[in-house]
PDB file of N, CA and C in Angstrom:
ATOM      1  N   MET A   1      11.341  41.635  75.488  1.00  0.00           N
ATOM      2  CA  MET A   1      12.010  43.005  75.191  1.00  0.00           C
ATOM      3  C   MET A   1      10.938  43.723  74.849  1.00  0.00           C
ATOM      4  N   ARG A   2      10.765  44.530  75.007  1.00  0.00           N
ATOM      5  CA  ARG A   2       9.689  45.480  74.682  1.00  0.00           C
ATOM      6  C   ARG A   2       9.780  46.298  73.078  1.00  0.00           C
ATOM      7  N   ILE A   3       8.918  46.524  72.156  1.00  0.00           N
ATOM      8  CA  ILE A   3       9.053  47.033  70.934  1.00  0.00           C
ATOM      9  C   ILE A   3       8.281  48.421  70.995  1.00  0.00           C
ATOM     10  N   LEU A   4       9.074  49.581  70.729  1.00  0.00           N
ATOM     11  CA  LEU A   4       8.000  50.826  70.825  1.00  0.00           C
ATOM     12  C   LEU A   4       7.069  51.215  69.744  1.00  0.00           C
ATOM     13  N   THR A   5       5.917  51.367  69.377  1.00  0.00           N
ATOM     14  CA  THR A   5       5.465  51.966  68.501  1.00  0.00           C
ATOM     15  C   THR A   5       6.347  53.425  67.851  1.00  0.00           C
ATOM     16  N   PRO A   6       6.426  53.774  66.185  1.00  0.00           N
ATOM     17  CA  PRO A   6       7.039  54.770  65.810  1.00  0.00           C
ATOM     18  C   PRO A   6       6.320  55.841  66.473  1.00  0.00           C
ATOM     19  N   SER A   7       5.290  56.687  66.885  1.00  0.00           N
ATOM     20  CA  SER A   7       4.838  57.749  67.471  1.00  0.00           C
ATOM     21  C   SER A   7       5.393  57.577  69.071  1.00  0.00           C
ATOM     22  N   LYS A   8       5.447  56.644  69.620  1.00  0.00           N
ATOM     23  CA  LYS A   8       5.981  56.298  70.991  1.00  0.00           C
ATOM     24  C   LYS A   8       7.806  56.636  70.805  1.00  0.00           C
ATOM     25  N   ARG A   9       7.928  56.396  69.581  1.00  0.00           N
ATOM     26  CA  ARG A   9       9.974  56.430  69.895  1.00  0.00           C
ATOM     27  C   ARG A   9       9.681  57.898  69.527  1.00  0.00           C
ATOM     28  N   VAL A  10       9.138  58.486  68.291  1.00  0.00           N
ATOM     29  CA  VAL A  10       9.235  60.078  68.059  1.00  0.00           C
ATOM     30  C   VAL A  10       9.068  60.823  69.392  1.00  0.00           C
ATOM     31  N   PHE A  11       7.765  60.288  70.056  1.00  0.00           N
ATOM     32  CA  PHE A  11       7.827  61.396  71.478  1.00  0.00           C
ATOM     33  C   PHE A  11       8.849  61.234  72.488  1.00  0.00           C
ATOM     34  N   PHE A  12       9.330  60.082  72.657  1.00  0.00           N
ATOM     35  CA  PHE A  12      10.480  59.668  73.441  1.00  0.00           C
ATOM     36  C   PHE A  12      11.856  60.364  73.024  1.00  0.00           C
ATOM     37  N   THR A  13      12.065  60.182  71.873  1.00  0.00           N
ATOM     38  CA  THR A  13      12.933  60.702  71.214  1.00  0.00           C
ATOM     39  C   THR A  13      13.289  62.438  71.425  1.00  0.00           C
ATOM     40  N   LEU A  14      11.804  62.927  70.815  1.00  0.00           N
ATOM     41  CA  LEU A  14      11.867  64.446  70.912  1.00  0.00           C
ATOM     42  C   LEU A  14      11.900  65.115  72.893  1.00  0.00           C
ATOM     43  N   THR A  15      11.420  64.062  73.467  1.00  0.00           N
ATOM     44  CA  THR A  15      11.660  64.359  74.997  1.00  0.00           C
ATOM     45  C   THR A  15      12.828  64.423  75.368  1.00  0.00           C
ATOM     46  N   MET A  16      13.803  63.467  74.827  1.00  0.00           N
ATOM     47  CA  MET A  16      14.848  63.385  75.433  1.00  0.00           C
ATOM     48  C   MET A  16      15.884  64.126  74.807  1.00  0.00           C
ATOM     49  N   ILE A  17      15.887  65.229  73.502  1.00  0.00           N
ATOM     50  CA  ILE A  17      16.306  65.968  73.175  1.00  0.00           C
ATOM     51  C   ILE A  17      15.552  66.932  74.340  1.00  0.00           C
ATOM     52  N   THR A  18      14.785  67.684  74.068  1.00  0.00           N
ATOM     53  CA  THR A  18      14.238  68.480  75.311  1.00  0.00           C
ATOM     54  C   THR A  18      15.290  68.500  76.507  1.00  0.00           C
ATOM     55  N   LEU A  19      14.919  67.748  77.071  1.00  0.00           N
ATOM     56  CA  LEU A  19      15.986  67.718  78.273  1.00  0.00           C
ATOM     57  C   LEU A  19      16.551  67.738  78.040  1.00  0.00           C
ATOM     58  N   ALA A  20      17.495  66.955  77.097  1.00  0.00           N
ATOM     59  CA  ALA A  20      18.671  67.415  76.629  1.00  0.00           C
ATOM     60  C   ALA A  20      19.738  69.027  76.699  1.00  0.00           C
ATOM     61  N   TYR A  21      18.626  70.064  75.775  1.00  0.00           N
ATOM     62  CA  TYR A  21      19.007  70.788  75.693  1.00  0.00           C
ATOM     63  C   TYR A  21      18.587  71.816  77.097  1.00  0.00           C
ATOM     64  N   ASN A  22      17.776  71.689  78.004  1.00  0.00           N
ATOM     65  CA  ASN A  22      17.574  72.288  78.336  1.00  0.00           C
ATOM     66  C   ASN A  22      18.901  72.229  80.056  1.00  0.00           C
ATOM     67  N   ILE A  23      19.169  71.606  79.828  1.00  0.00           N
ATOM     68  CA  ILE A  23      20.930  71.001  80.674  1.00  0.00           C
ATOM     69  C   ILE A  23      21.988  71.883  80.588  1.00  0.00           C
ATOM     70  N   GLN A  24      22.315  72.703  81.949  1.00  0.00           N
ATOM     71  CA  GLN A  24      23.311  73.424  81.400  1.00  0.00           C
ATOM     72  C   GLN A  24      24.230  73.455  82.595  1.00  0.00           C
ATOM     73  N   ALA A  25      25.656  73.548  81.811  1.00  0.00           N
ATOM     74  CA  ALA A  25      26.501  73.310  82.808  1.00  0.00           C
ATOM     75  C   ALA A  25      27.109  74.209  84.263  1.00  0.00           C
ATOM     76  N   GLN A  26      27.998  74.693  84.323  1.00  0.00           N
ATOM     77  CA  GLN A  26      28.266  75.000  85.848  1.00  0.00           C
ATOM     78  C   GLN A  26      28.677  76.342  85.447  1.00  0.00           C
ATOM     79  N   ASP A  27      28.037  77.486  85.935  1.00  0.00           N
ATOM     80  CA  ASP A  27      28.960  78.869  86.037  1.00  0.00           C
ATOM     81  C   ASP A  27      29.948  79.035  85.876  1.00  0.00           C
ATOM     82  N   GLN A  28      30.366  79.948  85.247  1.00  0.00           N
ATOM     83  CA  GLN A  28      32.179  80.020  84.875  1.00  0.00           C
ATOM     84  C   GLN A  28      32.818  80.577  85.737  1.00  0.00           C
ATOM     85  N   ASN A  29      31.841  81.775  86.093  1.00  0.00           N
ATOM     86  CA  ASN A  29      32.440  82.997  86.805  1.00  0.00           C
ATOM     87  C   ASN A  29      32.877  82.064  88.530  1.00  0.00           C
ATOM     88  N   LEU A  30      33.822  82.706  89.035  1.00  0.00           N
ATOM     89  CA  LEU A  30      33.912  82.166  90.275  1.00  0.00           C
ATOM     90  C   LEU A  30      34.580  83.597  91.126  1.00  0.00           C
ATOM     91  N   THR A  31      34.227  83.689  92.104  1.00  0.00           N
ATOM     92  CA  THR A  31      34.446  84.170  93.350  1.00  0.00           C
ATOM     93  C   THR A  31      35.483  84.106  94.307  1.00  0.00           C
ATOM     94  N   LEU A  32      36.608  84.509  94.221  1.00  0.00           N
ATOM     95  CA  LEU A  32      37.376  83.715  95.385  1.00  0.00           C
ATOM     96  C   LEU A  32      37.766  84.563  96.592  1.00  0.00           C
ATOM     97  N   ASN A  33      37.647  84.406  97.437  1.00  0.00           N
ATOM     98  CA  ASN A  33      37.973  85.665  99.100  1.00  0.00           C
ATOM     99  C   ASN A  33      39.148  84.739  99.585  1.00  0.00           C
ATOM    100  N   GLN A  34      40.042  85.230 100.048  1.00  0.00           N
ATOM    101  CA  GLN A  34      41.040  84.876 100.204  1.00  0.00           C
ATOM    102  C   GLN A  34      42.050  85.957 101.605  1.00  0.00           C
ATOM    103  N   ASP A  35      42.322  85.315 102.510  1.00  0.00           N
ATOM    104  CA  ASP A  35      43.161  86.475 103.112  1.00  0.00           C
ATOM    105  C   ASP A  35      44.126  86.949 102.669  1.00  0.00           C
ATOM    106  N   PRO A  36      44.341  88.223 102.347  1.00  0.00           N
ATOM    107  CA  PRO A  36      45.448  89.124 102.302  1.00  0.00           C
ATOM    108  C   PRO A  36      46.617  88.366 102.838  1.00  0.00           C
ATOM    109  N   LYS A  37      46.903  87.889 103.844  1.00  0.00           N
ATOM    110  CA  LYS A  37      47.866  86.997 104.716  1.00  0.00           C
ATOM    111  C   LYS A  37      48.535  86.076 103.653  1.00  0.00           C
ATOM    112  N   PHE A  38      47.727  85.873 102.676  1.00  0.00           N
ATOM    113  CA  PHE A  38      48.150  84.241 101.981  1.00  0.00           C
ATOM    114  C   PHE A  38      49.161  84.921 101.211  1.00  0.00           C
ATOM    115  N   GLU A  39      49.136  85.779 100.204  1.00  0.00           N
ATOM    116  CA  GLU A  39      49.884  86.176  99.450  1.00  0.00           C
ATOM    117  C   GLU A  39      51.410  86.847  99.784  1.00  0.00           C
ATOM    118  N   GLN A  40      51.442  87.059 101.165  1.00  0.00           N
ATOM    119  CA  GLN A  40      52.682  87.632 101.556  1.00  0.00           C
ATOM    120  C   GLN A  40      53.519  85.872 102.141  1.00  0.00           C
ATOM    121  N   LEU A  41      52.704  85.018 103.024  1.00  0.00           N
ATOM    122  CA  LEU A  41      53.260  83.916 102.805  1.00  0.00           C
ATOM    123  C   LEU A  41      53.916  82.770 101.870  1.00  0.00           C
ATOM    124  N   LEU A  42      52.991  83.072 100.736  1.00  0.00           N
ATOM    125  CA  LEU A  42      53.454  82.604  99.155  1.00  0.00           C
ATOM    126  C   LEU A  42      54.643  83.402  98.710  1.00  0.00           C
ATOM    127  N   ASN A  43      54.763  84.819  99.178  1.00  0.00           N
ATOM    128  CA  ASN A  43      56.278  85.466  98.700  1.00  0.00           C
ATOM    129  C   ASN A  43      57.067  85.090  99.300  1.00  0.00           C
ATOM    130  N   ASP A  44      56.925  84.603 100.877  1.00  0.00           N
ATOM    131  CA  ASP A  44      57.713  84.500 101.890  1.00  0.00           C
ATOM    132  C   ASP A  44      58.604  82.911 101.701  1.00  0.00           C
ATOM    133  N   LYS A  45      57.217  81.921 101.452  1.00  0.00           N
ATOM    134  CA  LYS A  45      58.046  80.003 100.944  1.00  0.00           C
ATOM    135  C   LYS A  45      59.053  80.765  99.664  1.00  0.00           C
ATOM    136  N   ARG A  46      58.447  81.231  98.607  1.00  0.00           N
ATOM    137  CA  ARG A  46      59.230  81.536  97.495  1.00  0.00           C
ATOM    138  C   ARG A  46      60.505  81.883  97.873  1.00  0.00           C
ATOM    139  N   LYS A  47      61.126  83.009  98.628  1.00  0.00           N
ATOM    140  CA  LYS A  47      62.032  83.189  98.883  1.00  0.00           C
ATOM    141  C   LYS A  47      63.244  82.312  99.870  1.00  0.00           C
ATOM    142  N   ILE A  48      62.290  81.601 100.476  1.00  0.00           N
ATOM    143  CA  ILE A  48      62.595  80.771 101.196  1.00  0.00           C
ATOM    144  C   ILE A  48      63.374  79.152 100.044  1.00  0.00           C
ATOM    145  N   ASN A  49      62.592  78.791  99.442  1.00  0.00           N
ATOM    146  CA  ASN A  49      62.804  78.145  98.166  1.00  0.00           C
ATOM    147  C   ASN A  49      63.670  78.210  97.641  1.00  0.00           C
ATOM    148  N   THR A  50      63.890  79.321  97.335  1.00  0.00           N
ATOM    149  CA  THR A  50      65.275  80.148  95.894  1.00  0.00           C
ATOM    150  C   THR A  50      66.576  79.867  96.938  1.00  0.00           C
ATOM    151  N   SER A  51      66.271  79.844  98.388  1.00  0.00           N
ATOM    152  CA  SER A  51      68.079  79.751  99.253  1.00  0.00           C
ATOM    153  C   SER A  51      68.012  78.627  99.554  1.00  0.00           C
ATOM    154  N   ILE A  52      67.228  77.588  99.251  1.00  0.00           N
ATOM    155  CA  ILE A  52      67.352  76.401  99.906  1.00  0.00           C
ATOM    156  C   ILE A  52      68.368  75.409  98.506  1.00  0.00           C
ATOM    157  N   SER A  53      69.458  75.000  99.095  1.00  0.00           N
ATOM    158  CA  SER A  53      70.416  74.587  98.170  1.00  0.00           C
ATOM    159  C   SER A  53      70.236  72.975  97.772  1.00  0.00           C
ATOM    160  N   THR A  54      70.128  73.159  96.453  1.00  0.00           N
ATOM    161  CA  THR A  54      69.840  71.248  96.262  1.00  0.00           C
ATOM    162  C   THR A  54      71.545  70.604  95.535  1.00  0.00           C
ATOM    163  N   ASN A  55      71.116  69.678  95.210  1.00  0.00           N
ATOM    164  CA  ASN A  55      72.230  68.824  95.005  1.00  0.00           C
ATOM    165  C   ASN A  55      72.480  68.946  93.622  1.00  0.00           C
ATOM    166  N   ASP A  56      72.172  69.725  92.782  1.00  0.00           N
ATOM    167  CA  ASP A  56      72.389  69.918  91.569  1.00  0.00           C
ATOM    168  C   ASP A  56      73.126  71.311  90.910  1.00  0.00           C
ATOM    169  N   THR A  57      74.385  71.545  91.910  1.00  0.00           N
ATOM    170  CA  THR A  57      75.213  72.528  91.999  1.00  0.00           C
ATOM    171  C   THR A  57      76.622  71.708  92.374  1.00  0.00           C
ATOM    172  N   TYR A  58      77.704  72.078  92.066  1.00  0.00           N
ATOM    173  CA  TYR A  58      79.074  72.360  92.289  1.00  0.00           C
ATOM    174  C   TYR A  58      79.397  73.054  93.338  1.00  0.00           C
ATOM    175  N   LYS A  59      80.291  72.588  94.915  1.00  0.00           N
ATOM    176  CA  LYS A  59      80.697  73.306  96.004  1.00  0.00           C
ATOM    177  C   LYS A  59      81.958  73.162  96.156  1.00  0.00           C
ATOM    178  N   ILE A  60      82.749  74.100  96.801  1.00  0.00           N
ATOM    179  CA  ILE A  60      83.820  73.673  97.156  1.00  0.00           C
ATOM    180  C   ILE A  60      84.187  73.297  98.791  1.00  0.00           C
ATOM    181  N   GLN A  61      85.026  72.612  98.823  1.00  0.00           N
ATOM    182  CA  GLN A  61      84.711  72.398 100.576  1.00  0.00           C
ATOM    183  C   GLN A  61      86.473  73.377 100.921  1.00  0.00           C
ATOM    184  N   ILE A  62      86.466  73.910 102.113  1.00  0.00           N
ATOM    185  CA  ILE A  62      87.835  74.566 102.120  1.00  0.00           C
ATOM    186  C   ILE A  62      88.107  74.266 103.342  1.00  0.00           C
ATOM    187  N   PHE A  63      87.187  73.726 104.439  1.00  0.00           N
ATOM    188  CA  PHE A  63      88.104  73.111 105.577  1.00  0.00           C
ATOM    189  C   PHE A  63      87.516  72.118 106.158  1.00  0.00           C
ATOM    190  N   SER A  64      87.906  71.562 107.504  1.00  0.00           N
ATOM    191  CA  SER A  64      87.147  70.545 108.139  1.00  0.00           C
ATOM    192  C   SER A  64      88.157  70.230 109.090  1.00  0.00           C
ATOM    193  N   GLY A  65      87.670  70.540 110.364  1.00  0.00           N
ATOM    194  CA  GLY A  65      88.069  71.009 111.808  1.00  0.00           C
ATOM    195  C   GLY A  65      87.156  71.334 112.588  1.00  0.00           C
ATOM    196  N   LYS A  66      87.756  71.760 113.692  1.00  0.00           N
ATOM    197  CA  LYS A  66      87.311  71.912 115.101  1.00  0.00           C
ATOM    198  C   LYS A  66      86.380  72.963 114.628  1.00  0.00           C
ATOM    199  N   SER A  67      85.099  73.413 115.303  1.00  0.00           N
ATOM    200  CA  SER A  67      84.015  74.653 115.102  1.00  0.00           C
ATOM    201  C   SER A  67      84.445  75.811 115.419  1.00  0.00           C
ATOM    202  N   GLU A  68      85.253  76.412 116.057  1.00  0.00           N
ATOM    203  CA  GLU A  68      86.005  77.681 116.075  1.00  0.00           C
ATOM    204  C   GLU A  68      86.875  77.618 115.078  1.00  0.00           C
ATOM    205  N   GLU A  69      87.571  76.640 114.375  1.00  0.00           N
ATOM    206  CA  GLU A  69      87.875  76.961 113.284  1.00  0.00           C
ATOM    207  C   GLU A  69      87.214  77.178 112.318  1.00  0.00           C
ATOM    208  N   ALA A  70      86.334  76.186 112.172  1.00  0.00           N
ATOM    209  CA  ALA A  70      85.635  77.081 111.150  1.00  0.00           C
ATOM    210  C   ALA A  70      85.121  78.050 110.842  1.00  0.00           C
ATOM    211  N   LYS A  71      84.509  78.766 111.908  1.00  0.00           N
ATOM    212  CA  LYS A  71      83.579  79.709 112.163  1.00  0.00           C
ATOM    213  C   LYS A  71      84.738  80.855 111.586  1.00  0.00           C
ATOM    214  N   LYS A  72      85.960  81.105 112.351  1.00  0.00           N
ATOM    215  CA  LYS A  72      87.149  82.009 111.952  1.00  0.00           C
ATOM    216  C   LYS A  72      87.058  81.357 109.849  1.00  0.00           C
ATOM    217  N   THR A  73      87.572  80.549 109.638  1.00  0.00           N
ATOM    218  CA  THR A  73      87.550  80.123 108.302  1.00  0.00           C
ATOM    219  C   THR A  73      86.630  80.547 107.235  1.00  0.00           C
ATOM    220  N   LEU A  74      85.261  80.318 107.728  1.00  0.00           N
ATOM    221  CA  LEU A  74      84.200  80.910 107.148  1.00  0.00           C
ATOM    222  C   LEU A  74      84.298  82.564 107.185  1.00  0.00           C
ATOM    223  N   SER A  75      84.304  83.282 108.047  1.00  0.00           N
ATOM    224  CA  SER A  75      84.503  84.247 108.516  1.00  0.00           C
ATOM    225  C   SER A  75      85.725  85.214 107.221  1.00  0.00           C
ATOM    226  N   ASP A  76      86.741  84.571 107.335  1.00  0.00           N
ATOM    227  CA  ASP A  76      87.711  85.324 106.357  1.00  0.00           C
ATOM    228  C   ASP A  76      87.466  85.017 105.305  1.00  0.00           C
ATOM    229  N   PHE A  77      86.836  83.598 105.049  1.00  0.00           N
ATOM    230  CA  PHE A  77      86.411  83.858 103.229  1.00  0.00           C
ATOM    231  C   PHE A  77      85.226  84.453 102.621  1.00  0.00           C
ATOM    232  N   LYS A  78      84.765  85.151 103.667  1.00  0.00           N
ATOM    233  CA  LYS A  78      83.275  85.819 103.417  1.00  0.00           C
ATOM    234  C   LYS A  78      84.009  87.725 103.286  1.00  0.00           C
ATOM    235  N   ARG A  79      84.959  87.664 104.201  1.00  0.00           N
ATOM    236  CA  ARG A  79      85.890  88.813 103.863  1.00  0.00           C
ATOM    237  C   ARG A  79      86.212  88.964 102.446  1.00  0.00           C
ATOM    238  N   GLU A  80      87.207  88.108 102.346  1.00  0.00           N
ATOM    239  CA  GLU A  80      87.731  87.815 100.878  1.00  0.00           C
ATOM    240  C   GLU A  80      86.889  88.362  99.907  1.00  0.00           C
ATOM    241  N   TYR A  81      85.867  87.045  99.598  1.00  0.00           N
ATOM    242  CA  TYR A  81      84.877  86.590  98.477  1.00  0.00           C
ATOM    243  C   TYR A  81      83.486  87.057  98.573  1.00  0.00           C
ATOM    244  N   SER A  82      83.238  88.287  98.871  1.00  0.00           N
ATOM    245  CA  SER A  82      81.641  88.592  99.277  1.00  0.00           C
ATOM    246  C   SER A  82      80.571  88.479  98.503  1.00  0.00           C
ATOM    247  N   ASN A  83      80.924  87.962  97.171  1.00  0.00           N
ATOM    248  CA  ASN A  83      80.083  87.253  96.375  1.00  0.00           C
ATOM    249  C   ASN A  83      79.685  86.248  96.036  1.00  0.00           C
ATOM    250  N   ILE A  84      80.406  85.128  96.967  1.00  0.00           N
ATOM    251  CA  ILE A  84      80.333  83.722  97.051  1.00  0.00           C
ATOM    252  C   ILE A  84      79.978  83.058  98.856  1.00  0.00           C
ATOM    253  N   ASP A  85      78.838  82.460  97.977  1.00  0.00           N
ATOM    254  CA  ASP A  85      78.244  82.170  99.574  1.00  0.00           C
ATOM    255  C   ASP A  85      79.147  80.958 100.405  1.00  0.00           C
ATOM    256  N   GLY A  86      78.537  80.680 101.538  1.00  0.00           N
ATOM    257  CA  GLY A  86      79.077  79.767 102.178  1.00  0.00           C
ATOM    258  C   GLY A  86      78.313  79.302 103.584  1.00  0.00           C
ATOM    259  N   THR A  87      78.814  78.416 104.030  1.00  0.00           N
ATOM    260  CA  THR A  87      77.988  77.621 105.291  1.00  0.00           C
ATOM    261  C   THR A  87      79.069  76.565 105.893  1.00  0.00           C
ATOM    262  N   ILE A  88      78.624  76.286 107.103  1.00  0.00           N
ATOM    263  CA  ILE A  88      79.279  75.659 107.767  1.00  0.00           C
ATOM    264  C   ILE A  88      78.397  73.907 107.868  1.00  0.00           C
ATOM    265  N   ILE A  89      79.281  72.752 107.839  1.00  0.00           N
ATOM    266  CA  ILE A  89      77.941  71.805 108.227  1.00  0.00           C
ATOM    267  C   ILE A  89      78.818  70.706 109.148  1.00  0.00           C
ATOM    268  N   PHE A  90      78.123  70.192 109.904  1.00  0.00           N
ATOM    269  CA  PHE A  90      78.540  69.175 110.738  1.00  0.00           C
ATOM    270  C   PHE A  90      78.271  68.087 110.550  1.00  0.00           C
ATOM    271  N   ASN A  91      79.456  67.167 110.342  1.00  0.00           N
ATOM    272  CA  ASN A  91      79.640  65.707 109.899  1.00  0.00           C
ATOM    273  C   ASN A  91      80.441  65.285 110.912  1.00  0.00           C
ATOM    274  N   THR A  92      80.375  64.507 111.774  1.00  0.00           N
ATOM    275  CA  THR A  92      80.695  63.437 113.065  1.00  0.00           C
ATOM    276  C   THR A  92      82.074  63.381 112.083  1.00  0.00           C
ATOM    277  N   PRO A  93      83.001  63.885 113.034  1.00  0.00           N
ATOM    278  CA  PRO A  93      83.433  64.641 113.945  1.00  0.00           C
ATOM    279  C   PRO A  93      84.066  65.914 113.870  1.00  0.00           C
ATOM    280  N   ASN A  94      83.720  66.169 112.463  1.00  0.00           N
ATOM    281  CA  ASN A  94      84.330  67.404 111.666  1.00  0.00           C
ATOM    282  C   ASN A  94      82.881  68.670 111.468  1.00  0.00           C
ATOM    283  N   TYR A  95      83.623  70.142 111.652  1.00  0.00           N
ATOM    284  CA  TYR A  95      82.683  70.748 111.237  1.00  0.00           C
ATOM    285  C   TYR A  95      83.535  71.239 109.409  1.00  0.00           C
ATOM    286  N   LYS A  96      82.585  71.548 108.682  1.00  0.00           N
ATOM    287  CA  LYS A  96      83.223  71.824 107.365  1.00  0.00           C
ATOM    288  C   LYS A  96      82.863  72.881 107.013  1.00  0.00           C
ATOM    289  N   VAL A  97      83.666  73.826 105.986  1.00  0.00           N
ATOM    290  CA  VAL A  97      82.983  75.125 105.457  1.00  0.00           C
ATOM    291  C   VAL A  97      82.907  74.741 104.232  1.00  0.00           C
ATOM    292  N   ILE A  98      81.618  74.721 103.645  1.00  0.00           N
ATOM    293  CA  ILE A  98      81.139  74.464 102.269  1.00  0.00           C
ATOM    294  C   ILE A  98      81.180  75.933 101.560  1.00  0.00           C
ATOM    295  N   VAL A  99      81.673  76.397 100.121  1.00  0.00           N
ATOM    296  CA  VAL A  99      81.278  77.578  99.630  1.00  0.00           C
ATOM    297  C   VAL A  99      80.888  77.238  97.976  1.00  0.00           C
ATOM    298  N   GLY A 100      79.899  78.064  97.787  1.00  0.00           N
ATOM    299  CA  GLY A 100      79.206  78.147  96.485  1.00  0.00           C
ATOM    300  C   GLY A 100      78.317  77.536  95.936  1.00  0.00           C
ATOM    301  N   ASN A 101      77.522  77.548  94.954  1.00  0.00           N
ATOM    302  CA  ASN A 101      76.996  77.237  94.519  1.00  0.00           C
ATOM    303  C   ASN A 101      76.946  77.201  92.955  1.00  0.00           C
ATOM    304  N   PHE A 102      78.011  76.581  92.347  1.00  0.00           N
ATOM    305  CA  PHE A 102      77.861  76.319  90.853  1.00  0.00           C
ATOM    306  C   PHE A 102      77.274  75.765  90.197  1.00  0.00           C
ATOM    307  N   LYS A 103      77.128  76.631  89.298  1.00  0.00           N
ATOM    308  CA  LYS A 103      76.122  75.432  87.786  1.00  0.00           C
ATOM    309  C   LYS A 103      76.839  74.643  87.052  1.00  0.00           C
ATOM    310  N   THR A 104      78.288  74.934  86.777  1.00  0.00           N
ATOM    311  CA  THR A 104      78.872  74.134  85.923  1.00  0.00           C
ATOM    312  C   THR A 104      79.974  74.063  86.603  1.00  0.00           C
ATOM    313  N   ARG A 105      81.047  72.888  86.047  1.00  0.00           N
ATOM    314  CA  ARG A 105      82.439  72.542  86.181  1.00  0.00           C
ATOM    315  C   ARG A 105      83.117  73.241  86.209  1.00  0.00           C
ATOM    316  N   ILE A 106      83.331  73.682  84.828  1.00  0.00           N
ATOM    317  CA  ILE A 106      83.995  75.575  84.778  1.00  0.00           C
ATOM    318  C   ILE A 106      84.043  76.069  85.926  1.00  0.00           C
ATOM    319  N   GLU A 107      82.923  76.470  85.701  1.00  0.00           N
ATOM    320  CA  GLU A 107      82.742  78.097  86.838  1.00  0.00           C
ATOM    321  C   GLU A 107      83.268  77.843  87.909  1.00  0.00           C
ATOM    322  N   ALA A 108      83.396  76.357  88.282  1.00  0.00           N
ATOM    323  CA  ALA A 108      83.789  75.817  89.940  1.00  0.00           C
ATOM    324  C   ALA A 108      84.733  75.548  89.660  1.00  0.00           C
ATOM    325  N   GLU A 109      85.652  75.458  89.017  1.00  0.00           N
ATOM    326  CA  GLU A 109      87.069  75.039  88.666  1.00  0.00           C
ATOM    327  C   GLU A 109      87.805  76.165  88.711  1.00  0.00           C
ATOM    328  N   ARG A 110      87.170  77.124  87.913  1.00  0.00           N
ATOM    329  CA  ARG A 110      87.728  78.916  87.708  1.00  0.00           C
ATOM    330  C   ARG A 110      87.992  79.302  89.331  1.00  0.00           C
ATOM    331  N   ASN A 111      87.170  79.219  89.877  1.00  0.00           N
ATOM    332  CA  ASN A 111      86.982  79.532  91.713  1.00  0.00           C
ATOM    333  C   ASN A 111      87.754  78.596  92.682  1.00  0.00           C
ATOM    334  N   LEU A 112      88.012  77.595  92.171  1.00  0.00           N
ATOM    335  CA  LEU A 112      88.871  76.354  93.031  1.00  0.00           C
ATOM    336  C   LEU A 112      90.171  76.718  92.843  1.00  0.00           C
ATOM    337  N   ALA A 113      90.639  77.017  91.219  1.00  0.00           N
ATOM    338  CA  ALA A 113      92.222  77.486  91.594  1.00  0.00           C
ATOM    339  C   ALA A 113      92.394  79.013  92.065  1.00  0.00           C
ATOM    340  N   ASP A 114      91.631  79.749  91.947  1.00  0.00           N
ATOM    341  CA  ASP A 114      91.238  81.017  92.925  1.00  0.00           C
ATOM    342  C   ASP A 114      91.835  80.895  94.462  1.00  0.00           C
ATOM    343  N   ILE A 115      90.828  79.746  95.383  1.00  0.00           N
ATOM    344  CA  ILE A 115      90.522  79.904  96.194  1.00  0.00           C
ATOM    345  C   ILE A 115      91.851  79.227  96.711  1.00  0.00           C
ATOM    346  N   LYS A 116      92.379  78.201  96.102  1.00  0.00           N
ATOM    347  CA  LYS A 116      93.682  77.207  96.375  1.00  0.00           C
ATOM    348  C   LYS A 116      94.351  78.281  96.935  1.00  0.00           C
ATOM    349  N   LYS A 117      94.526  79.258  95.992  1.00  0.00           N
ATOM    350  CA  LYS A 117      95.808  80.240  96.761  1.00  0.00           C
ATOM    351  C   LYS A 117      95.627  80.668  98.039  1.00  0.00           C
ATOM    352  N   ARG A 118      94.816  80.966  98.416  1.00  0.00           N
ATOM    353  CA  ARG A 118      94.640  81.227  99.596  1.00  0.00           C
ATOM    354  C   ARG A 118      94.352  80.265 100.956  1.00  0.00           C
ATOM    355  N   HIS A 119      93.955  79.214 100.446  1.00  0.00           N
ATOM    356  CA  HIS A 119      93.511  78.289 101.531  1.00  0.00           C
ATOM    357  C   HIS A 119      94.026  77.012 101.313  1.00  0.00           C
ATOM    358  N   LYS A 120      94.316  76.213 101.885  1.00  0.00           N
ATOM    359  CA  LYS A 120      95.265  74.890 101.621  1.00  0.00           C
ATOM    360  C   LYS A 120      93.617  73.581 101.920  1.00  0.00           C
ATOM    361  N   ASN A 121      93.724  72.540 101.452  1.00  0.00           N
ATOM    362  CA  ASN A 121      93.096  71.088 101.556  1.00  0.00           C
ATOM    363  C   ASN A 121      91.982  71.697 100.604  1.00  0.00           C
ATOM    364  N   VAL A 122      91.568  71.941  99.700  1.00  0.00           N
ATOM    365  CA  VAL A 122      90.684  72.655  98.899  1.00  0.00           C
ATOM    366  C   VAL A 122      90.274  71.670  97.910  1.00  0.00           C
ATOM    367  N   PHE A 123      89.284  71.509  97.793  1.00  0.00           N
ATOM    368  CA  PHE A 123      88.479  70.321  96.658  1.00  0.00           C
ATOM    369  C   PHE A 123      87.187  70.645  96.731  1.00  0.00           C
ATOM    370  N   LEU A 124      86.883  70.172  94.976  1.00  0.00           N
ATOM    371  CA  LEU A 124      85.170  70.029  94.440  1.00  0.00           C
ATOM    372  C   LEU A 124      84.743  69.078  94.922  1.00  0.00           C
ATOM    373  N   LEU A 125      83.546  69.738  95.150  1.00  0.00           N
ATOM    374  CA  LEU A 125      82.454  68.458  95.564  1.00  0.00           C
ATOM    375  C   LEU A 125      81.211  68.536  94.172  1.00  0.00           C
ATOM    376  N   LYS A 126      81.584  67.448  93.852  1.00  0.00           N
ATOM    377  CA  LYS A 126      80.442  66.944  92.662  1.00  0.00           C
ATOM    378  C   LYS A 126      78.998  67.377  93.123  1.00  0.00           C
ATOM    379  N   PRO A 127      77.669  67.665  92.093  1.00  0.00           N
ATOM    380  CA  PRO A 127      76.565  67.623  92.730  1.00  0.00           C
ATOM    381  C   PRO A 127      75.905  65.764  92.799  1.00  0.00           C
ATOM    382  N   GLY A 128      75.693  65.820  93.880  1.00  0.00           N
ATOM    383  CA  GLY A 128      74.978  64.330  94.891  1.00  0.00           C
ATOM    384  C   GLY A 128      75.833  63.930  95.457  1.00  0.00           C
ATOM    385  N   LYS A 129      76.985  64.336  95.750  1.00  0.00           N
ATOM    386  CA  LYS A 129      77.865  64.020  96.772  1.00  0.00           C
ATOM    387  C   LYS A 129      77.746  64.786  98.172  1.00  0.00           C
TER     388      LYS A 129
END
């Protein structure tokens, strides 16, 4: 191992400090050029994401049976309850009419009691089911 003399050590230290002082980080100014359609596509994607239902809400099943009857049931339901969403799901061999996206069980049960007055065989679907 080689030992530096004090004068070489001072020279080496000063050289390192000078080099370290001159090192600069990257510029923080960044210019981004993006296609104007990108923002439109991003907004469309956000709209689609909000319409996708997740399994963290309570839903109510109001019908299970044939396709034509399911369509008629959903149509009648939408006329009666325009503020509640509904959809038809095919689960072999039946078509099921599922309505609502209720965040709490209490809200779902209130609507369930009202819907039971007009539809038979109605029941609550818990999240994740």
